[in-house]
C-alpha atoms as a PDB file:
ATOM      1  CA  MET A   1       4.432  59.126  11.026  1.00  0.00           C
ATOM      2  CA  GLN A   2       6.066  55.969   9.715  1.00  0.00           C
ATOM      3  CA  LYS A   3       9.037  57.932   8.353  1.00  0.00           C
ATOM      4  CA  TRP A   4       9.871  59.139  11.861  1.00  0.00           C
ATOM      5  CA  LEU A   5       9.634  55.693  13.427  1.00  0.00           C
ATOM      6  CA  PRO A   6      13.034  54.333  12.295  1.00  0.00           C
ATOM      7  CA  ARG A   7      14.738  57.597  13.265  1.00  0.00           C
ATOM      8  CA  SER A   8      13.051  57.561  16.672  1.00  0.00           C
ATOM      9  CA  LEU A   9      14.160  53.983  17.263  1.00  0.00           C
ATOM     10  CA  VAL A  10      17.745  54.852  16.354  1.00  0.00           C
ATOM     11  CA  MET A  11      17.695  57.852  18.714  1.00  0.00           C
ATOM     12  CA  LEU A  12      16.213  55.727  21.495  1.00  0.00           C
ATOM     13  CA  LEU A  13      18.869  53.065  20.983  1.00  0.00           C
ATOM     14  CA  PHE A  14      21.615  55.711  20.996  1.00  0.00           C
ATOM     15  CA  ALA A  15      20.260  57.235  24.215  1.00  0.00           C
ATOM     16  CA  ALA A  16      20.135  53.784  25.832  1.00  0.00           C
ATOM     17  CA  LEU A  17      23.733  53.172  24.723  1.00  0.00           C
ATOM     18  CA  VAL A  18      24.983  56.458  26.216  1.00  0.00           C
ATOM     19  CA  ILE A  19      23.122  55.949  29.500  1.00  0.00           C
ATOM     20  CA  SER A  20      24.382  52.368  29.792  1.00  0.00           C
ATOM     21  CA  MET A  21      27.977  53.388  29.071  1.00  0.00           C
ATOM     22  CA  ALA A  22      27.739  56.095  31.726  1.00  0.00           C
ATOM     23  CA  ASN A  23      26.297  53.687  34.281  1.00  0.00           C
ATOM     24  CA  ILE A  24      29.054  51.106  33.789  1.00  0.00           C
ATOM     25  CA  GLY A  25      31.841  53.676  33.822  1.00  0.00           C
ATOM     26  CA  LEU A  26      32.834  53.794  30.161  1.00  0.00           C
ATOM     27  CA  LEU A  27      32.422  57.575  30.030  1.00  0.00           C
ATOM     28  CA  ASP A  28      34.729  58.138  33.005  1.00  0.00           C
ATOM     29  CA  LEU A  29      37.686  59.611  31.090  1.00  0.00           C
ATOM     30  CA  PRO A  30      40.170  59.703  34.014  1.00  0.00           C
ATOM     31  CA  ARG A  31      39.418  56.067  34.736  1.00  0.00           C
ATOM     32  CA  LEU A  32      39.869  55.135  31.075  1.00  0.00           C
ATOM     33  CA  GLY A  33      43.159  57.033  31.015  1.00  0.00           C
ATOM     34  CA  ARG A  34      44.449  55.090  34.019  1.00  0.00           C
ATOM     35  CA  GLY A  35      43.276  51.905  32.347  1.00  0.00           C
ATOM     36  CA  ALA A  36      45.274  52.697  29.219  1.00  0.00           C
ATOM     37  CA  LEU A  37      48.405  53.201  31.312  1.00  0.00           C
ATOM     38  CA  ASN A  38      47.809  49.921  33.134  1.00  0.00           C
ATOM     39  CA  ILE A  39      47.413  48.095  29.817  1.00  0.00           C
ATOM     40  CA  GLY A  40      50.698  49.589  28.658  1.00  0.00           C
ATOM     41  CA  ARG A  41      52.477  48.298  31.766  1.00  0.00           C
ATOM     42  CA  PHE A  42      50.816  44.895  31.382  1.00  0.00           C
ATOM     43  CA  VAL A  43      51.924  44.563  27.752  1.00  0.00           C
ATOM     44  CA  GLY A  44      55.436  45.569  28.758  1.00  0.00           C
ATOM     45  CA  ASP A  45      55.513  42.821  31.396  1.00  0.00           C
ATOM     46  CA  LEU A  46      54.536  40.205  28.807  1.00  0.00           C
ATOM     47  CA  PHE A  47      57.842  40.492  26.973  1.00  0.00           C
ATOM     48  CA  PRO A  48      60.063  38.694  26.527  1.00  0.00           C
ATOM     49  CA  PRO A  49      58.097  35.439  26.890  1.00  0.00           C
ATOM     50  CA  ASP A  50      59.503  32.885  29.340  1.00  0.00           C
ATOM     51  CA  LEU A  51      60.097  29.748  27.244  1.00  0.00           C
ATOM     52  CA  SER A  52      61.249  27.726  30.251  1.00  0.00           C
ATOM     53  CA  VAL A  53      57.616  26.732  30.915  1.00  0.00           C
ATOM     54  CA  LEU A  54      56.960  25.543  27.360  1.00  0.00           C
ATOM     55  CA  GLY A  55      57.229  21.868  28.317  1.00  0.00           C
ATOM     56  CA  ALA A  56      54.673  22.102  31.120  1.00  0.00           C
ATOM     57  CA  VAL A  57      52.414  24.255  28.951  1.00  0.00           C
ATOM     58  CA  THR A  58      52.558  21.694  26.116  1.00  0.00           C
ATOM     59  CA  VAL A  59      51.500  18.881  28.462  1.00  0.00           C
ATOM     60  CA  ALA A  60      48.631  21.037  29.725  1.00  0.00           C
ATOM     61  CA  ILE A  61      47.489  21.830  26.170  1.00  0.00           C
ATOM     62  CA  VAL A  62      47.455  18.127  25.307  1.00  0.00           C
ATOM     63  CA  GLU A  63      45.283  17.583  28.384  1.00  0.00           C
ATOM     64  CA  THR A  64      43.005  20.396  27.200  1.00  0.00           C
ATOM     65  CA  LEU A  65      42.629  18.701  23.812  1.00  0.00           C
ATOM     66  CA  GLN A  66      41.749  15.421  25.534  1.00  0.00           C
ATOM     67  CA  ILE A  67      39.136  17.177  27.665  1.00  0.00           C
ATOM     68  CA  ALA A  68      37.635  18.782  24.549  1.00  0.00           C
ATOM     69  CA  LEU A  69      37.632  15.535  22.563  1.00  0.00           C
ATOM     70  CA  VAL A  70      36.067  13.395  25.281  1.00  0.00           C
ATOM     71  CA  GLY A  71      33.581  16.104  26.249  1.00  0.00           C
ATOM     72  CA  THR A  72      32.526  16.707  22.637  1.00  0.00           C
ATOM     73  CA  LEU A  73      31.982  13.039  21.814  1.00  0.00           C
ATOM     74  CA  LEU A  74      30.127  12.315  25.048  1.00  0.00           C
ATOM     75  CA  GLY A  75      28.015  15.412  24.504  1.00  0.00           C
ATOM     76  CA  PHE A  76      27.238  14.370  20.923  1.00  0.00           C
ATOM     77  CA  ALA A  77      26.299  10.854  22.047  1.00  0.00           C
ATOM     78  CA  MET A  78      23.759  12.374  24.459  1.00  0.00           C
ATOM     79  CA  ALA A  79      22.614  15.177  22.156  1.00  0.00           C
ATOM     80  CA  LEU A  80      21.745  13.002  19.150  1.00  0.00           C
ATOM     81  CA  PRO A  81      18.936  10.973  20.786  1.00  0.00           C
ATOM     82  CA  MET A  82      17.716  14.060  22.659  1.00  0.00           C
ATOM     83  CA  ALA A  83      17.539  15.983  19.387  1.00  0.00           C
ATOM     84  CA  LEU A  84      15.534  13.185  17.775  1.00  0.00           C
ATOM     85  CA  LEU A  85      13.137  13.247  20.724  1.00  0.00           C
ATOM     86  CA  ALA A  86      12.821  17.023  20.259  1.00  0.00           C
ATOM     87  CA  THR A  87      11.874  16.733  16.560  1.00  0.00           C
ATOM     88  CA  PRO A  88       8.099  17.303  16.124  1.00  0.00           C
ATOM     89  CA  PHE A  89       7.493  15.068  13.089  1.00  0.00           C
ATOM     90  CA  LEU A  90       9.055  12.110  14.932  1.00  0.00           C
ATOM     91  CA  PHE A  91       7.363  12.480  18.315  1.00  0.00           C
ATOM     92  CA  GLY A  92       4.318  14.198  19.763  1.00  0.00           C
ATOM     93  CA  PRO A  93       4.238  17.585  21.528  1.00  0.00           C
ATOM     94  CA  THR A  94       4.545  16.087  25.014  1.00  0.00           C
ATOM     95  CA  ILE A  95       7.822  14.315  24.281  1.00  0.00           C
ATOM     96  CA  THR A  96       9.274  17.077  22.119  1.00  0.00           C
ATOM     97  CA  GLY A  97       8.314  19.720  24.673  1.00  0.00           C
ATOM     98  CA  ALA A  98       9.960  17.813  27.506  1.00  0.00           C
ATOM     99  CA  ALA A  99      13.124  17.162  25.453  1.00  0.00           C
ATOM    100  CA  ARG A 100      13.429  20.803  24.410  1.00  0.00           C
ATOM    101  CA  THR A 101      12.899  21.969  27.983  1.00  0.00           C
ATOM    102  CA  ILE A 102      15.691  19.711  29.232  1.00  0.00           C
ATOM    103  CA  LEU A 103      18.032  20.970  26.512  1.00  0.00           C
ATOM    104  CA  ALA A 104      17.133  24.583  27.289  1.00  0.00           C
ATOM    105  CA  VAL A 105      17.846  24.107  30.995  1.00  0.00           C
ATOM    106  CA  VAL A 106      21.203  22.446  30.283  1.00  0.00           C
ATOM    107  CA  ARG A 107      22.073  25.154  27.752  1.00  0.00           C
ATOM    108  CA  THR A 108      21.263  27.949  30.199  1.00  0.00           C
ATOM    109  CA  VAL A 109      23.888  26.815  32.707  1.00  0.00           C
ATOM    110  CA  PRO A 110      27.381  28.281  31.980  1.00  0.00           C
ATOM    111  CA  SER A 111      30.149  25.823  31.214  1.00  0.00           C
ATOM    112  CA  LEU A 112      32.162  26.934  34.248  1.00  0.00           C
ATOM    113  CA  PHE A 113      29.260  26.034  36.526  1.00  0.00           C
ATOM    114  CA  TRP A 114      29.215  22.515  35.068  1.00  0.00           C
ATOM    115  CA  GLY A 115      32.947  22.396  35.714  1.00  0.00           C
ATOM    116  CA  ILE A 116      32.437  23.394  39.356  1.00  0.00           C
ATOM    117  CA  LEU A 117      29.649  20.842  39.733  1.00  0.00           C
ATOM    118  CA  PHE A 118      31.805  17.973  38.505  1.00  0.00           C
ATOM    119  CA  VAL A 119      34.823  19.125  40.501  1.00  0.00           C
ATOM    120  CA  VAL A 120      32.590  18.696  43.550  1.00  0.00           C
ATOM    121  CA  ALA A 121      31.341  15.336  42.227  1.00  0.00           C
ATOM    122  CA  VAL A 122      34.550  13.652  41.043  1.00  0.00           C
ATOM    123  CA  GLY A 123      37.298  15.903  42.396  1.00  0.00           C
ATOM    124  CA  LEU A 124      39.892  18.162  40.813  1.00  0.00           C
ATOM    125  CA  GLY A 125      41.355  17.265  37.441  1.00  0.00           C
ATOM    126  CA  PRO A 126      40.554  16.677  33.765  1.00  0.00           C
ATOM    127  CA  ALA A 127      37.748  14.168  34.427  1.00  0.00           C
ATOM    128  CA  ALA A 128      35.650  16.984  35.882  1.00  0.00           C
ATOM    129  CA  GLY A 129      36.519  19.177  32.909  1.00  0.00           C
ATOM    130  CA  ALA A 130      35.516  16.540  30.368  1.00  0.00           C
ATOM    131  CA  LEU A 131      32.168  15.925  32.086  1.00  0.00           C
ATOM    132  CA  GLY A 132      31.524  19.657  32.293  1.00  0.00           C
ATOM    133  CA  VAL A 133      32.250  20.089  28.584  1.00  0.00           C
ATOM    134  CA  ALA A 134      30.007  17.099  27.800  1.00  0.00           C
ATOM    135  CA  LEU A 135      27.008  18.678  29.551  1.00  0.00           C
ATOM    136  CA  TYR A 136      27.717  22.009  27.922  1.00  0.00           C
ATOM    137  CA  SER A 137      27.892  20.302  24.519  1.00  0.00           C
ATOM    138  CA  LEU A 138      24.650  18.436  25.158  1.00  0.00           C
ATOM    139  CA  GLY A 139      22.702  21.661  25.543  1.00  0.00           C
ATOM    140  CA  TYR A 140      24.043  23.419  22.472  1.00  0.00           C
ATOM    141  CA  LEU A 141      24.433  20.448  20.145  1.00  0.00           C
ATOM    142  CA  GLY A 142      20.955  19.237  21.054  1.00  0.00           C
ATOM    143  CA  LYS A 143      19.402  22.496  19.888  1.00  0.00           C
ATOM    144  CA  LEU A 144      21.525  22.697  16.740  1.00  0.00           C
ATOM    145  CA  LEU A 145      20.731  19.115  15.779  1.00  0.00           C
ATOM    146  CA  TYR A 146      16.962  19.257  16.211  1.00  0.00           C
ATOM    147  CA  GLU A 147      16.903  22.435  14.120  1.00  0.00           C
ATOM    148  CA  ILE A 148      18.845  20.547  11.439  1.00  0.00           C
ATOM    149  CA  PHE A 149      16.378  17.656  11.614  1.00  0.00           C
ATOM    150  CA  GLU A 150      13.438  20.033  11.248  1.00  0.00           C
ATOM    151  CA  GLY A 151      14.980  21.261   7.993  1.00  0.00           C
ATOM    152  CA  VAL A 152      14.995  17.851   6.311  1.00  0.00           C
ATOM    153  CA  ASP A 153      13.213  17.884   2.942  1.00  0.00           C
ATOM    154  CA  PRO A 154       9.506  17.060   3.554  1.00  0.00           C
ATOM    155  CA  GLU A 155       9.331  15.175   0.251  1.00  0.00           C
ATOM    156  CA  VAL A 156      11.991  12.765   1.462  1.00  0.00           C
ATOM    157  CA  LEU A 157      10.110  12.230   4.713  1.00  0.00           C
ATOM    158  CA  GLU A 158       6.850  11.636   2.883  1.00  0.00           C
ATOM    159  CA  ALA A 159       8.467   9.122   0.529  1.00  0.00           C
ATOM    160  CA  VAL A 160       9.823   7.098   3.460  1.00  0.00           C
ATOM    161  CA  ARG A 161       6.501   7.301   5.329  1.00  0.00           C
ATOM    162  CA  SER A 162       4.640   6.062   2.270  1.00  0.00           C
ATOM    163  CA  VAL A 163       6.267   2.638   2.530  1.00  0.00           C
ATOM    164  CA  GLY A 164       5.041   2.200   6.094  1.00  0.00           C
ATOM    165  CA  CYS A 165       8.160   3.060   8.097  1.00  0.00           C
ATOM    166  CA  ASN A 166       7.806   3.669  11.830  1.00  0.00           C
ATOM    167  CA  ARG A 167       9.450   6.541  13.710  1.00  0.00           C
ATOM    168  CA  LEU A 168      12.727   4.721  14.294  1.00  0.00           C
ATOM    169  CA  GLN A 169      12.964   3.730  10.635  1.00  0.00           C
ATOM    170  CA  LEU A 170      12.061   7.266   9.561  1.00  0.00           C
ATOM    171  CA  ALA A 171      14.941   8.601  11.642  1.00  0.00           C
ATOM    172  CA  ARG A 172      17.310   5.863  10.427  1.00  0.00           C
ATOM    173  CA  PHE A 173      16.569   5.965   6.704  1.00  0.00           C
ATOM    174  CA  ALA A 174      15.487   9.580   6.129  1.00  0.00           C
ATOM    175  CA  VAL A 175      16.419  12.055   8.858  1.00  0.00           C
ATOM    176  CA  LEU A 176      19.972  10.968   9.663  1.00  0.00           C
ATOM    177  CA  PRO A 177      21.138  10.356   6.053  1.00  0.00           C
ATOM    178  CA  GLU A 178      19.712  13.687   4.870  1.00  0.00           C
ATOM    179  CA  ALA A 179      21.249  15.543   7.833  1.00  0.00           C
ATOM    180  CA  ALA A 180      24.612  13.726   7.742  1.00  0.00           C
ATOM    181  CA  ASN A 181      26.626  16.594   6.272  1.00  0.00           C
ATOM    182  CA  ASN A 182      25.363  19.081   8.833  1.00  0.00           C
ATOM    183  CA  LEU A 183      25.853  16.597  11.660  1.00  0.00           C
ATOM    184  CA  VAL A 184      29.534  16.232  10.781  1.00  0.00           C
ATOM    185  CA  ALA A 185      29.947  19.994  10.361  1.00  0.00           C
ATOM    186  CA  GLN A 186      28.333  20.756  13.729  1.00  0.00           C
ATOM    187  CA  LEU A 187      30.382  18.069  15.477  1.00  0.00           C
ATOM    188  CA  LEU A 188      33.612  19.550  14.127  1.00  0.00           C
ATOM    189  CA  PHE A 189      32.506  23.051  15.054  1.00  0.00           C
ATOM    190  CA  MET A 190      31.639  21.943  18.586  1.00  0.00           C
ATOM    191  CA  PHE A 191      35.062  20.368  19.018  1.00  0.00           C
ATOM    192  CA  GLU A 192      36.742  23.592  17.871  1.00  0.00           C
ATOM    193  CA  TYR A 193      34.614  25.570  20.297  1.00  0.00           C
ATOM    194  CA  ASN A 194      35.203  23.161  23.158  1.00  0.00           C
ATOM    195  CA  VAL A 195      38.982  23.467  22.788  1.00  0.00           C
ATOM    196  CA  ARG A 196      38.516  27.129  23.668  1.00  0.00           C
ATOM    197  CA  ALA A 197      35.978  26.361  26.405  1.00  0.00           C
ATOM    198  CA  SER A 198      38.271  23.704  27.899  1.00  0.00           C
ATOM    199  CA  SER A 199      41.062  26.275  28.107  1.00  0.00           C
ATOM    200  CA  ILE A 200      39.292  28.023  30.978  1.00  0.00           C
ATOM    201  CA  MET A 201      38.065  24.909  32.785  1.00  0.00           C
ATOM    202  CA  GLY A 202      41.280  24.979  34.792  1.00  0.00           C
ATOM    203  CA  PHE A 203      40.091  28.217  36.392  1.00  0.00           C
ATOM    204  CA  VAL A 204      37.801  26.085  38.587  1.00  0.00           C
ATOM    205  CA  GLY A 205      40.247  23.200  39.027  1.00  0.00           C
ATOM    206  CA  ALA A 206      38.987  21.092  36.128  1.00  0.00           C
ATOM    207  CA  GLY A 207      42.349  20.527  34.455  1.00  0.00           C
ATOM    208  CA  GLY A 208      43.912  21.757  31.248  1.00  0.00           C
ATOM    209  CA  ILE A 209      45.862  24.857  30.297  1.00  0.00           C
ATOM    210  CA  GLY A 210      43.482  27.082  32.264  1.00  0.00           C
ATOM    211  CA  PHE A 211      45.139  25.969  35.509  1.00  0.00           C
ATOM    212  CA  TYR A 212      48.430  27.459  34.321  1.00  0.00           C
ATOM    213  CA  LEU A 213      46.828  30.587  32.880  1.00  0.00           C
ATOM    214  CA  LEU A 214      45.136  31.344  36.186  1.00  0.00           C
ATOM    215  CA  GLY A 215      48.298  30.581  38.171  1.00  0.00           C
ATOM    216  CA  TYR A 216      50.449  32.870  36.032  1.00  0.00           C
ATOM    217  CA  ILE A 217      47.909  35.676  36.366  1.00  0.00           C
ATOM    218  CA  GLN A 218      47.651  35.295  40.124  1.00  0.00           C
ATOM    219  CA  MET A 219      51.446  35.270  40.530  1.00  0.00           C
ATOM    220  CA  LEU A 220      51.883  38.180  38.088  1.00  0.00           C
ATOM    221  CA  GLN A 221      54.119  36.021  35.887  1.00  0.00           C
ATOM    222  CA  TYR A 222      53.014  37.674  32.673  1.00  0.00           C
ATOM    223  CA  ASP A 223      56.012  36.518  30.654  1.00  0.00           C
ATOM    224  CA  ARG A 224      54.985  32.921  31.332  1.00  0.00           C
ATOM    225  CA  LEU A 225      51.372  33.843  30.645  1.00  0.00           C
ATOM    226  CA  LEU A 226      52.364  35.043  27.173  1.00  0.00           C
ATOM    227  CA  THR A 227      54.093  31.736  26.448  1.00  0.00           C
ATOM    228  CA  ALA A 228      50.969  29.811  27.433  1.00  0.00           C
ATOM    229  CA  LEU A 229      48.677  32.092  25.431  1.00  0.00           C
ATOM    230  CA  VAL A 230      50.776  31.932  22.279  1.00  0.00           C
ATOM    231  CA  ALA A 231      51.079  28.151  22.504  1.00  0.00           C
ATOM    232  CA  THR A 232      47.304  27.868  22.945  1.00  0.00           C
ATOM    233  CA  LEU A 233      46.700  30.219  20.011  1.00  0.00           C
ATOM    234  CA  VAL A 234      48.946  28.151  17.745  1.00  0.00           C
ATOM    235  CA  VAL A 235      47.080  24.965  18.654  1.00  0.00           C
ATOM    236  CA  VAL A 236      43.681  26.598  18.077  1.00  0.00           C
ATOM    237  CA  ILE A 237      44.746  27.859  14.641  1.00  0.00           C
ATOM    238  CA  LEU A 238      46.042  24.407  13.690  1.00  0.00           C
ATOM    239  CA  ILE A 239      42.767  22.818  14.804  1.00  0.00           C
ATOM    240  CA  ASP A 240      40.750  25.332  12.788  1.00  0.00           C
ATOM    241  CA  ARG A 241      42.751  24.497   9.644  1.00  0.00           C
ATOM    242  CA  ALA A 242      42.597  20.748  10.257  1.00  0.00           C
ATOM    243  CA  SER A 243      38.846  20.965  10.814  1.00  0.00           C
ATOM    244  CA  ALA A 244      38.364  22.838   7.535  1.00  0.00           C
ATOM    245  CA  ARG A 245      40.378  20.192   5.687  1.00  0.00           C
ATOM    246  CA  LEU A 246      38.380  17.377   7.310  1.00  0.00           C
ATOM    247  CA  ARG A 247      35.166  19.011   6.176  1.00  0.00           C
ATOM    248  CA  ARG A 248      36.410  19.052   2.594  1.00  0.00           C
ATOM    249  CA  MET A 249      37.715  15.474   2.734  1.00  0.00           C
ATOM    250  CA  PHE A 250      35.015  13.586   4.580  1.00  0.00           C
ATOM    251  CA  LEU A 251      31.675  15.344   4.202  1.00  0.00           C
ATOM    252  CA  LEU A 252      29.279  13.034   2.404  1.00  0.00           C
ATOM    253  CA  PRO A 253      27.974  13.804  -1.100  1.00  0.00           C
ATOM    254  CA  THR A 254      24.699  15.699  -0.775  1.00  0.00           C
ATOM    255  CA  SER A 255      21.370  14.435  -2.071  1.00  0.00           C
ATOM    256  CA  GLY A 256      19.272  17.529  -1.469  1.00  0.00           C
ATOM    257  CA  GLY A 257      17.494  18.749   1.615  1.00  0.00           C
ATOM    258  CA  VAL A 258      19.420  20.041   4.585  1.00  0.00           C
ATOM    259  CA  GLY A 259      22.657  18.449   3.394  1.00  0.00           C
ATOM    260  CA  ALA A 260      22.714  20.531   0.204  1.00  0.00           C
END
């Protein structure tokens, strides 16, 4: 009986895959054929790229980087205390439950919705984008950080408790030093991710390169779209490499626990 169970599960999953593909139109061969032709025309319209917009695109990418930087740091500044409040060995179940619920609610809301919300609140432009990215970062960084804190070596925590430290001192002298490496790594990762997230904030009027991407798509200016996409890709690759180098240069020496 047990030997048939894995096979049955695989067959069930395969059947669900086929049914789902049929329902969403991925088994409609004529439609897929027309789609392939449309992609061919689209790719043809991308070339040659229009370099005349490179100046405007560069300014927009710099604005995107500013949105990502401000949003990431503001989000981290909010996420760190929230993550400490969500750590069970620092606070009781009432506080940790409330903190985790808030983080879950914030995390559930898509970044574009936060962008729309702040466009309504503060108007069009990069300020709305930065605030939207900050709220988005709060939700995800908060969860990542309290999971890091929960992984701190219990022996280290017990040693600090044994000298009579309160919760604030426990966080200051045990949790944060032990988690420092992972905190830096997650902050760098979030910035990398937010550069990509900020690139589409312009779709809702929140500034950055997304404003140009959407405009080029709407006006069918695919040659200019290619210029913007390639420029964005180059910047993202450079940020990825710089982030990797920063990790190697500035991560603190580990002393065991979660930082190992």
